[in-house]
Amino acid sequence: MFIDASAMVAILLQEANGERLAAAIDAASTPLATNVIAVWETAAALHRKKNMSIALAQMRVTEFLAAAGIETLDARREELPLALAAFERYGRHRYPLPADRNKGLNLADCFHYAAAKSRGLPILTTDEGFALTDLPTIAAKPLR
């Protein structure tokens, strides 16, 4: 299972759906992975939302990944075509109305998609845009 930044943030900040996301990680039957982009996003979110130093935020994310047994993947050149195809099919430009903006994938989401797709992994997320892709999605709450 690929764990995206939204799921890690929800768990680390103990958001309402955090326990269900953590339970999904515990119950996973596939390898657990994320990528350096999701790690960056998660540390940046902790820094921004909790006003903690970036060093402390990175340490918290690193500790979480180690405790959960989640491998951190590099972004690979071979994933670029998949990330671009994800942008073409599912990118935010497909949803011009501000109310629909979160239905589209952003840059980081496109690389998360590529990492998961290239490895045949479902994605654990709170982002509704992934439910609109061809990628198996695991969510803590029903996605619209």
N, C-alpha and C. Protein backbone atom coordinates (compact mmCIF):
# COMPACT_ATOMS: atom_id res chain seq x y z
N MET A 1 0.84 -1.16 0.00
CA MET A 1 0.00 0.00 0.00
C MET A 1 0.90 1.24 0.00
N PHE A 2 0.56 2.19 -0.86
CA PHE A 2 1.27 3.47 -0.88
C PHE A 2 0.53 4.42 0.06
N ILE A 3 1.26 5.00 1.00
CA ILE A 3 0.65 5.92 1.96
C ILE A 3 0.98 7.34 1.52
N ASP A 4 -0.06 8.10 1.20
CA ASP A 4 0.19 9.46 0.73
C ASP A 4 0.24 10.43 1.92
N ALA A 5 0.68 11.64 1.64
CA ALA A 5 0.91 12.63 2.70
C ALA A 5 -0.36 12.93 3.49
N SER A 6 -1.50 12.99 2.82
CA SER A 6 -2.73 13.32 3.54
C SER A 6 -3.02 12.30 4.64
N ALA A 7 -2.73 11.04 4.37
CA ALA A 7 -2.95 9.99 5.37
C ALA A 7 -1.96 10.12 6.52
N MET A 8 -0.69 10.38 6.19
CA MET A 8 0.31 10.53 7.25
C MET A 8 0.01 11.73 8.13
N VAL A 9 -0.39 12.84 7.52
CA VAL A 9 -0.72 14.04 8.29
C VAL A 9 -1.89 13.75 9.23
N ALA A 10 -2.92 13.10 8.72
CA ALA A 10 -4.09 12.78 9.55
C ALA A 10 -3.72 11.91 10.74
N ILE A 11 -2.83 10.95 10.53
CA ILE A 11 -2.40 10.08 11.62
C ILE A 11 -1.55 10.85 12.62
N LEU A 12 -0.54 11.56 12.12
CA LEU A 12 0.39 12.26 13.01
C LEU A 12 -0.26 13.40 13.78
N LEU A 13 -1.26 14.04 13.19
CA LEU A 13 -1.95 15.14 13.87
C LEU A 13 -3.20 14.67 14.61
N GLN A 14 -3.40 13.36 14.63
CA GLN A 14 -4.53 12.74 15.33
C GLN A 14 -5.86 13.37 14.92
N GLU A 15 -6.02 13.52 13.60
CA GLU A 15 -7.27 14.03 13.06
C GLU A 15 -8.35 12.96 13.22
N ALA A 16 -9.60 13.34 13.01
CA ALA A 16 -10.74 12.46 13.25
C ALA A 16 -10.61 11.10 12.58
N ASN A 17 -10.08 11.07 11.37
CA ASN A 17 -9.97 9.81 10.64
C ASN A 17 -8.60 9.14 10.82
N GLY A 18 -7.75 9.71 11.64
CA GLY A 18 -6.40 9.19 11.83
C GLY A 18 -6.34 7.75 12.33
N GLU A 19 -7.22 7.41 13.26
CA GLU A 19 -7.21 6.05 13.80
C GLU A 19 -7.60 5.03 12.73
N ARG A 20 -8.57 5.38 11.91
CA ARG A 20 -8.98 4.45 10.84
C ARG A 20 -7.88 4.30 9.79
N LEU A 21 -7.18 5.37 9.52
CA LEU A 21 -6.06 5.29 8.57
C LEU A 21 -4.94 4.42 9.15
N ALA A 22 -4.63 4.61 10.42
CA ALA A 22 -3.60 3.78 11.07
C ALA A 22 -4.01 2.32 11.08
N ALA A 23 -5.29 2.05 11.31
CA ALA A 23 -5.78 0.67 11.28
C ALA A 23 -5.64 0.06 9.89
N ALA A 24 -5.85 0.87 8.86
CA ALA A 24 -5.68 0.37 7.49
C ALA A 24 -4.23 -0.01 7.23
N ILE A 25 -3.30 0.77 7.77
CA ILE A 25 -1.88 0.43 7.63
C ILE A 25 -1.59 -0.88 8.35
N ASP A 26 -2.09 -1.02 9.56
CA ASP A 26 -1.88 -2.24 10.34
C ASP A 26 -2.45 -3.47 9.65
N ALA A 27 -3.55 -3.30 8.93
CA ALA A 27 -4.23 -4.42 8.28
C ALA A 27 -3.76 -4.68 6.85
N ALA A 28 -2.83 -3.90 6.36
CA ALA A 28 -2.40 -4.00 4.96
C ALA A 28 -1.83 -5.38 4.65
N SER A 29 -2.19 -5.87 3.47
CA SER A 29 -1.67 -7.16 3.02
C SER A 29 -0.63 -6.99 1.92
N THR A 30 -0.31 -5.76 1.58
CA THR A 30 0.71 -5.47 0.57
C THR A 30 1.87 -4.76 1.25
N PRO A 31 3.02 -4.67 0.58
CA PRO A 31 4.13 -3.90 1.16
C PRO A 31 3.68 -2.45 1.42
N LEU A 32 4.27 -1.84 2.44
CA LEU A 32 3.96 -0.45 2.79
C LEU A 32 5.05 0.46 2.24
N ALA A 33 4.64 1.49 1.52
CA ALA A 33 5.61 2.40 0.92
C ALA A 33 5.03 3.80 0.83
N THR A 34 5.93 4.75 0.78
CA THR A 34 5.62 6.14 0.46
C THR A 34 6.79 6.63 -0.36
N ASN A 35 6.81 7.91 -0.72
CA ASN A 35 7.98 8.41 -1.44
C ASN A 35 8.50 9.68 -0.80
N VAL A 36 9.66 10.12 -1.27
CA VAL A 36 10.29 11.29 -0.67
C VAL A 36 9.43 12.54 -0.81
N ILE A 37 8.62 12.60 -1.84
CA ILE A 37 7.74 13.76 -2.02
C ILE A 37 6.67 13.79 -0.93
N ALA A 38 6.08 12.64 -0.64
CA ALA A 38 5.07 12.56 0.43
C ALA A 38 5.69 12.85 1.79
N VAL A 39 6.92 12.40 2.00
CA VAL A 39 7.61 12.70 3.25
C VAL A 39 7.82 14.20 3.38
N TRP A 40 8.25 14.84 2.30
CA TRP A 40 8.43 16.30 2.29
C TRP A 40 7.11 16.99 2.60
N GLU A 41 6.04 16.58 1.92
CA GLU A 41 4.73 17.20 2.13
C GLU A 41 4.27 17.05 3.59
N THR A 42 4.50 15.88 4.16
CA THR A 42 4.07 15.62 5.53
C THR A 42 4.85 16.48 6.52
N ALA A 43 6.17 16.53 6.36
CA ALA A 43 6.99 17.37 7.24
C ALA A 43 6.60 18.84 7.10
N ALA A 44 6.37 19.29 5.88
CA ALA A 44 5.96 20.68 5.65
C ALA A 44 4.62 20.97 6.31
N ALA A 45 3.69 20.01 6.26
CA ALA A 45 2.38 20.21 6.88
C ALA A 45 2.50 20.28 8.40
N LEU A 46 3.33 19.43 8.99
CA LEU A 46 3.54 19.49 10.45
C LEU A 46 4.15 20.83 10.84
N HIS A 47 5.12 21.27 10.07
CA HIS A 47 5.77 22.57 10.32
C HIS A 47 4.74 23.69 10.26
N ARG A 48 3.91 23.66 9.24
CA ARG A 48 2.92 24.72 9.01
C ARG A 48 1.78 24.67 10.03
N LYS A 49 1.24 23.47 10.26
CA LYS A 49 0.04 23.36 11.10
C LYS A 49 0.33 23.38 12.60
N LYS A 50 1.51 22.90 12.98
CA LYS A 50 1.85 22.82 14.40
C LYS A 50 2.97 23.76 14.80
N ASN A 51 3.43 24.56 13.84
CA ASN A 51 4.48 25.54 14.09
C ASN A 51 5.72 24.91 14.74
N MET A 52 6.04 23.67 14.33
CA MET A 52 7.24 23.02 14.83
C MET A 52 8.37 23.25 13.84
N SER A 53 9.58 23.15 14.32
CA SER A 53 10.72 23.33 13.41
C SER A 53 10.67 22.25 12.33
N ILE A 54 11.25 22.55 11.21
CA ILE A 54 11.26 21.57 10.11
C ILE A 54 12.08 20.35 10.51
N ALA A 55 13.14 20.56 11.31
CA ALA A 55 13.95 19.42 11.77
C ALA A 55 13.13 18.49 12.65
N LEU A 56 12.35 19.07 13.56
CA LEU A 56 11.50 18.25 14.43
C LEU A 56 10.40 17.56 13.61
N ALA A 57 9.83 18.28 12.67
CA ALA A 57 8.80 17.69 11.81
C ALA A 57 9.36 16.50 11.04
N GLN A 58 10.54 16.67 10.46
CA GLN A 58 11.16 15.58 9.72
C GLN A 58 11.43 14.39 10.64
N MET A 59 11.89 14.66 11.85
CA MET A 59 12.17 13.59 12.80
C MET A 59 10.88 12.83 13.14
N ARG A 60 9.78 13.54 13.35
CA ARG A 60 8.50 12.89 13.67
C ARG A 60 8.05 11.99 12.52
N VAL A 61 8.19 12.48 11.30
CA VAL A 61 7.79 11.69 10.13
C VAL A 61 8.69 10.46 10.02
N THR A 62 9.99 10.64 10.18
CA THR A 62 10.93 9.53 10.09
C THR A 62 10.64 8.47 11.15
N GLU A 63 10.34 8.90 12.36
CA GLU A 63 9.99 7.97 13.44
C GLU A 63 8.71 7.20 13.11
N PHE A 64 7.72 7.90 12.59
CA PHE A 64 6.46 7.26 12.20
C PHE A 64 6.70 6.19 11.13
N LEU A 65 7.47 6.54 10.10
CA LEU A 65 7.74 5.60 9.01
C LEU A 65 8.44 4.36 9.53
N ALA A 66 9.42 4.54 10.41
CA ALA A 66 10.16 3.40 10.96
C ALA A 66 9.24 2.53 11.82
N ALA A 67 8.45 3.15 12.68
CA ALA A 67 7.56 2.40 13.56
C ALA A 67 6.51 1.61 12.78
N ALA A 68 6.03 2.19 11.68
CA ALA A 68 4.99 1.53 10.88
C ALA A 68 5.56 0.57 9.84
N GLY A 69 6.88 0.57 9.66
CA GLY A 69 7.49 -0.30 8.66
C GLY A 69 7.22 0.15 7.23
N ILE A 70 7.17 1.46 7.03
CA ILE A 70 6.89 2.03 5.71
C ILE A 70 8.20 2.39 5.03
N GLU A 71 8.42 1.83 3.85
CA GLU A 71 9.63 2.11 3.08
C GLU A 71 9.46 3.45 2.35
N THR A 72 10.52 4.26 2.37
CA THR A 72 10.51 5.52 1.62
C THR A 72 11.20 5.31 0.28
N LEU A 73 10.44 5.52 -0.78
CA LEU A 73 10.94 5.33 -2.14
C LEU A 73 11.45 6.64 -2.71
N ASP A 74 12.44 6.54 -3.57
CA ASP A 74 12.87 7.69 -4.35
C ASP A 74 11.89 7.89 -5.50
N ALA A 75 11.81 9.11 -6.00
CA ALA A 75 11.07 9.35 -7.24
C ALA A 75 11.99 8.86 -8.37
N ARG A 76 11.48 7.97 -9.21
CA ARG A 76 12.30 7.38 -10.27
C ARG A 76 11.99 8.01 -11.62
N ARG A 77 13.03 8.14 -12.42
CA ARG A 77 12.87 8.68 -13.77
C ARG A 77 11.85 7.87 -14.56
N GLU A 78 11.82 6.56 -14.34
CA GLU A 78 10.89 5.68 -15.07
C GLU A 78 9.43 5.99 -14.74
N GLU A 79 9.18 6.66 -13.63
CA GLU A 79 7.82 7.00 -13.23
C GLU A 79 7.31 8.28 -13.89
N LEU A 80 8.21 9.04 -14.49
CA LEU A 80 7.81 10.31 -15.10
C LEU A 80 6.70 10.15 -16.13
N PRO A 81 6.77 9.19 -17.07
CA PRO A 81 5.66 9.04 -18.02
C PRO A 81 4.32 8.75 -17.33
N LEU A 82 4.33 7.94 -16.28
CA LEU A 82 3.09 7.67 -15.54
C LEU A 82 2.58 8.92 -14.83
N ALA A 83 3.49 9.70 -14.26
CA ALA A 83 3.08 10.94 -13.58
C ALA A 83 2.49 11.93 -14.57
N LEU A 84 3.09 12.03 -15.74
CA LEU A 84 2.56 12.93 -16.77
C LEU A 84 1.21 12.44 -17.29
N ALA A 85 1.08 11.13 -17.48
CA ALA A 85 -0.20 10.58 -17.92
C ALA A 85 -1.28 10.82 -16.86
N ALA A 86 -0.91 10.70 -15.59
CA ALA A 86 -1.86 10.98 -14.51
C ALA A 86 -2.31 12.43 -14.55
N PHE A 87 -1.36 13.33 -14.80
CA PHE A 87 -1.73 14.75 -14.90
C PHE A 87 -2.68 14.98 -16.08
N GLU A 88 -2.36 14.37 -17.21
CA GLU A 88 -3.20 14.55 -18.39
C GLU A 88 -4.63 14.06 -18.14
N ARG A 89 -4.75 12.90 -17.50
CA ARG A 89 -6.08 12.30 -17.28
C ARG A 89 -6.81 12.82 -16.06
N TYR A 90 -6.04 13.14 -14.99
CA TYR A 90 -6.67 13.42 -13.70
C TYR A 90 -6.23 14.74 -13.06
N GLY A 91 -5.45 15.54 -13.75
CA GLY A 91 -4.90 16.76 -13.17
C GLY A 91 -5.95 17.81 -12.84
N ARG A 92 -5.53 18.77 -12.05
CA ARG A 92 -6.45 19.83 -11.60
C ARG A 92 -7.02 20.64 -12.75
N HIS A 93 -6.32 20.70 -13.87
CA HIS A 93 -6.83 21.45 -15.02
C HIS A 93 -8.14 20.86 -15.53
N ARG A 94 -8.43 19.62 -15.18
CA ARG A 94 -9.68 18.97 -15.59
C ARG A 94 -10.89 19.50 -14.81
N TYR A 95 -10.63 20.22 -13.74
CA TYR A 95 -11.69 20.71 -12.86
C TYR A 95 -11.54 22.22 -12.67
N PRO A 96 -12.02 23.00 -13.63
CA PRO A 96 -11.79 24.45 -13.60
C PRO A 96 -12.57 25.20 -12.51
N LEU A 97 -13.64 24.62 -12.00
CA LEU A 97 -14.42 25.32 -10.98
C LEU A 97 -13.73 25.21 -9.62
N PRO A 98 -13.62 26.32 -8.90
CA PRO A 98 -12.95 26.28 -7.59
C PRO A 98 -13.53 25.23 -6.64
N ALA A 99 -14.82 25.01 -6.69
CA ALA A 99 -15.45 24.02 -5.80
C ALA A 99 -15.01 22.60 -6.10
N ASP A 100 -14.55 22.36 -7.32
CA ASP A 100 -14.13 21.02 -7.73
C ASP A 100 -12.62 20.83 -7.71
N ARG A 101 -11.88 21.83 -7.30
CA ARG A 101 -10.42 21.82 -7.40
C ARG A 101 -9.78 20.58 -6.78
N ASN A 102 -10.29 20.13 -5.64
CA ASN A 102 -9.68 18.98 -4.95
C ASN A 102 -9.96 17.65 -5.63
N LYS A 103 -10.76 17.65 -6.66
CA LYS A 103 -11.00 16.41 -7.41
C LYS A 103 -9.83 16.09 -8.33
N GLY A 104 -9.02 17.08 -8.65
CA GLY A 104 -7.89 16.88 -9.55
C GLY A 104 -6.60 16.62 -8.78
N LEU A 105 -5.69 15.92 -9.43
CA LEU A 105 -4.40 15.62 -8.82
C LEU A 105 -3.44 16.78 -9.03
N ASN A 106 -2.68 17.12 -7.98
CA ASN A 106 -1.62 18.12 -8.11
C ASN A 106 -0.31 17.42 -8.47
N LEU A 107 0.77 18.18 -8.55
CA LEU A 107 2.06 17.62 -8.94
C LEU A 107 2.45 16.44 -8.05
N ALA A 108 2.42 16.65 -6.74
CA ALA A 108 2.81 15.57 -5.82
C ALA A 108 1.91 14.36 -5.97
N ASP A 109 0.60 14.60 -6.09
CA ASP A 109 -0.34 13.50 -6.27
C ASP A 109 -0.01 12.68 -7.51
N CYS A 110 0.39 13.35 -8.59
CA CYS A 110 0.72 12.64 -9.83
C CYS A 110 1.92 11.72 -9.62
N PHE A 111 2.89 12.15 -8.83
CA PHE A 111 4.04 11.28 -8.55
C PHE A 111 3.67 10.17 -7.56
N HIS A 112 2.75 10.44 -6.64
CA HIS A 112 2.26 9.37 -5.76
C HIS A 112 1.53 8.32 -6.59
N TYR A 113 0.70 8.78 -7.51
CA TYR A 113 -0.02 7.89 -8.43
C TYR A 113 0.99 7.02 -9.17
N ALA A 114 2.02 7.64 -9.73
CA ALA A 114 3.01 6.90 -10.52
C ALA A 114 3.74 5.86 -9.68
N ALA A 115 4.11 6.23 -8.46
CA ALA A 115 4.81 5.28 -7.58
C ALA A 115 3.92 4.09 -7.25
N ALA A 116 2.67 4.36 -6.92
CA ALA A 116 1.74 3.28 -6.58
C ALA A 116 1.43 2.43 -7.81
N LYS A 117 1.13 3.07 -8.91
CA LYS A 117 0.74 2.36 -10.14
C LYS A 117 1.87 1.47 -10.64
N SER A 118 3.09 1.98 -10.63
CA SER A 118 4.22 1.21 -11.16
C SER A 118 4.54 -0.01 -10.30
N ARG A 119 4.09 -0.01 -9.07
CA ARG A 119 4.35 -1.13 -8.16
C ARG A 119 3.10 -1.97 -7.89
N GLY A 120 2.00 -1.61 -8.51
CA GLY A 120 0.75 -2.36 -8.32
C GLY A 120 0.18 -2.24 -6.92
N LEU A 121 0.38 -1.08 -6.29
CA LEU A 121 -0.09 -0.88 -4.92
C LEU A 121 -1.34 -0.01 -4.88
N PRO A 122 -2.26 -0.30 -3.96
CA PRO A 122 -3.36 0.64 -3.72
C PRO A 122 -2.81 1.85 -2.97
N ILE A 123 -3.58 2.92 -2.91
CA ILE A 123 -3.12 4.12 -2.22
C ILE A 123 -4.02 4.44 -1.03
N LEU A 124 -3.42 4.73 0.10
CA LEU A 124 -4.13 5.15 1.30
C LEU A 124 -4.11 6.67 1.32
N THR A 125 -5.28 7.28 1.34
CA THR A 125 -5.36 8.73 1.18
C THR A 125 -6.63 9.29 1.79
N THR A 126 -6.63 10.58 2.02
CA THR A 126 -7.87 11.29 2.34
C THR A 126 -8.27 12.19 1.19
N ASP A 127 -7.47 12.23 0.14
CA ASP A 127 -7.72 13.10 -1.02
C ASP A 127 -8.77 12.48 -1.93
N GLU A 128 -9.83 13.21 -2.18
CA GLU A 128 -10.92 12.67 -3.00
C GLU A 128 -10.52 12.46 -4.45
N GLY A 129 -9.52 13.13 -4.94
CA GLY A 129 -9.12 12.99 -6.33
C GLY A 129 -8.68 11.59 -6.71
N PHE A 130 -8.05 10.87 -5.79
CA PHE A 130 -7.58 9.53 -6.11
C PHE A 130 -8.73 8.56 -6.38
N ALA A 131 -9.87 8.79 -5.77
CA ALA A 131 -11.03 7.92 -6.00
C ALA A 131 -11.54 8.05 -7.43
N LEU A 132 -11.15 9.10 -8.12
CA LEU A 132 -11.59 9.33 -9.50
C LEU A 132 -10.60 8.79 -10.52
N THR A 133 -9.55 8.13 -10.04
CA THR A 133 -8.55 7.54 -10.94
C THR A 133 -8.80 6.04 -11.08
N ASP A 134 -7.94 5.39 -11.85
CA ASP A 134 -8.02 3.94 -12.02
C ASP A 134 -7.21 3.19 -10.96
N LEU A 135 -6.70 3.90 -9.98
CA LEU A 135 -5.87 3.31 -8.93
C LEU A 135 -6.76 2.83 -7.78
N PRO A 136 -6.56 1.60 -7.30
CA PRO A 136 -7.32 1.17 -6.13
C PRO A 136 -7.02 2.11 -4.96
N THR A 137 -8.06 2.61 -4.33
CA THR A 137 -7.93 3.61 -3.28
C THR A 137 -8.51 3.08 -1.98
N ILE A 138 -7.76 3.29 -0.91
CA ILE A 138 -8.23 2.95 0.42
C ILE A 138 -8.37 4.28 1.16
N ALA A 139 -9.54 4.52 1.70
CA ALA A 139 -9.79 5.79 2.38
C ALA A 139 -10.42 5.53 3.74
N ALA A 140 -10.18 6.45 4.65
CA ALA A 140 -10.74 6.31 5.99
C ALA A 140 -12.20 6.69 6.03
N LYS A 141 -12.64 7.40 5.04
CA LYS A 141 -14.04 7.80 4.96
C LYS A 141 -14.47 7.70 3.51
N PRO A 142 -15.73 7.58 3.24
CA PRO A 142 -16.17 7.52 1.85
C PRO A 142 -15.78 8.79 1.11
N LEU A 143 -15.21 8.62 -0.07
CA LEU A 143 -14.84 9.76 -0.90
C LEU A 143 -15.97 10.05 -1.86
N ARG A 144 -16.26 11.33 -2.06
CA ARG A 144 -17.32 11.71 -2.99
C ARG A 144 -16.88 11.59 -4.42
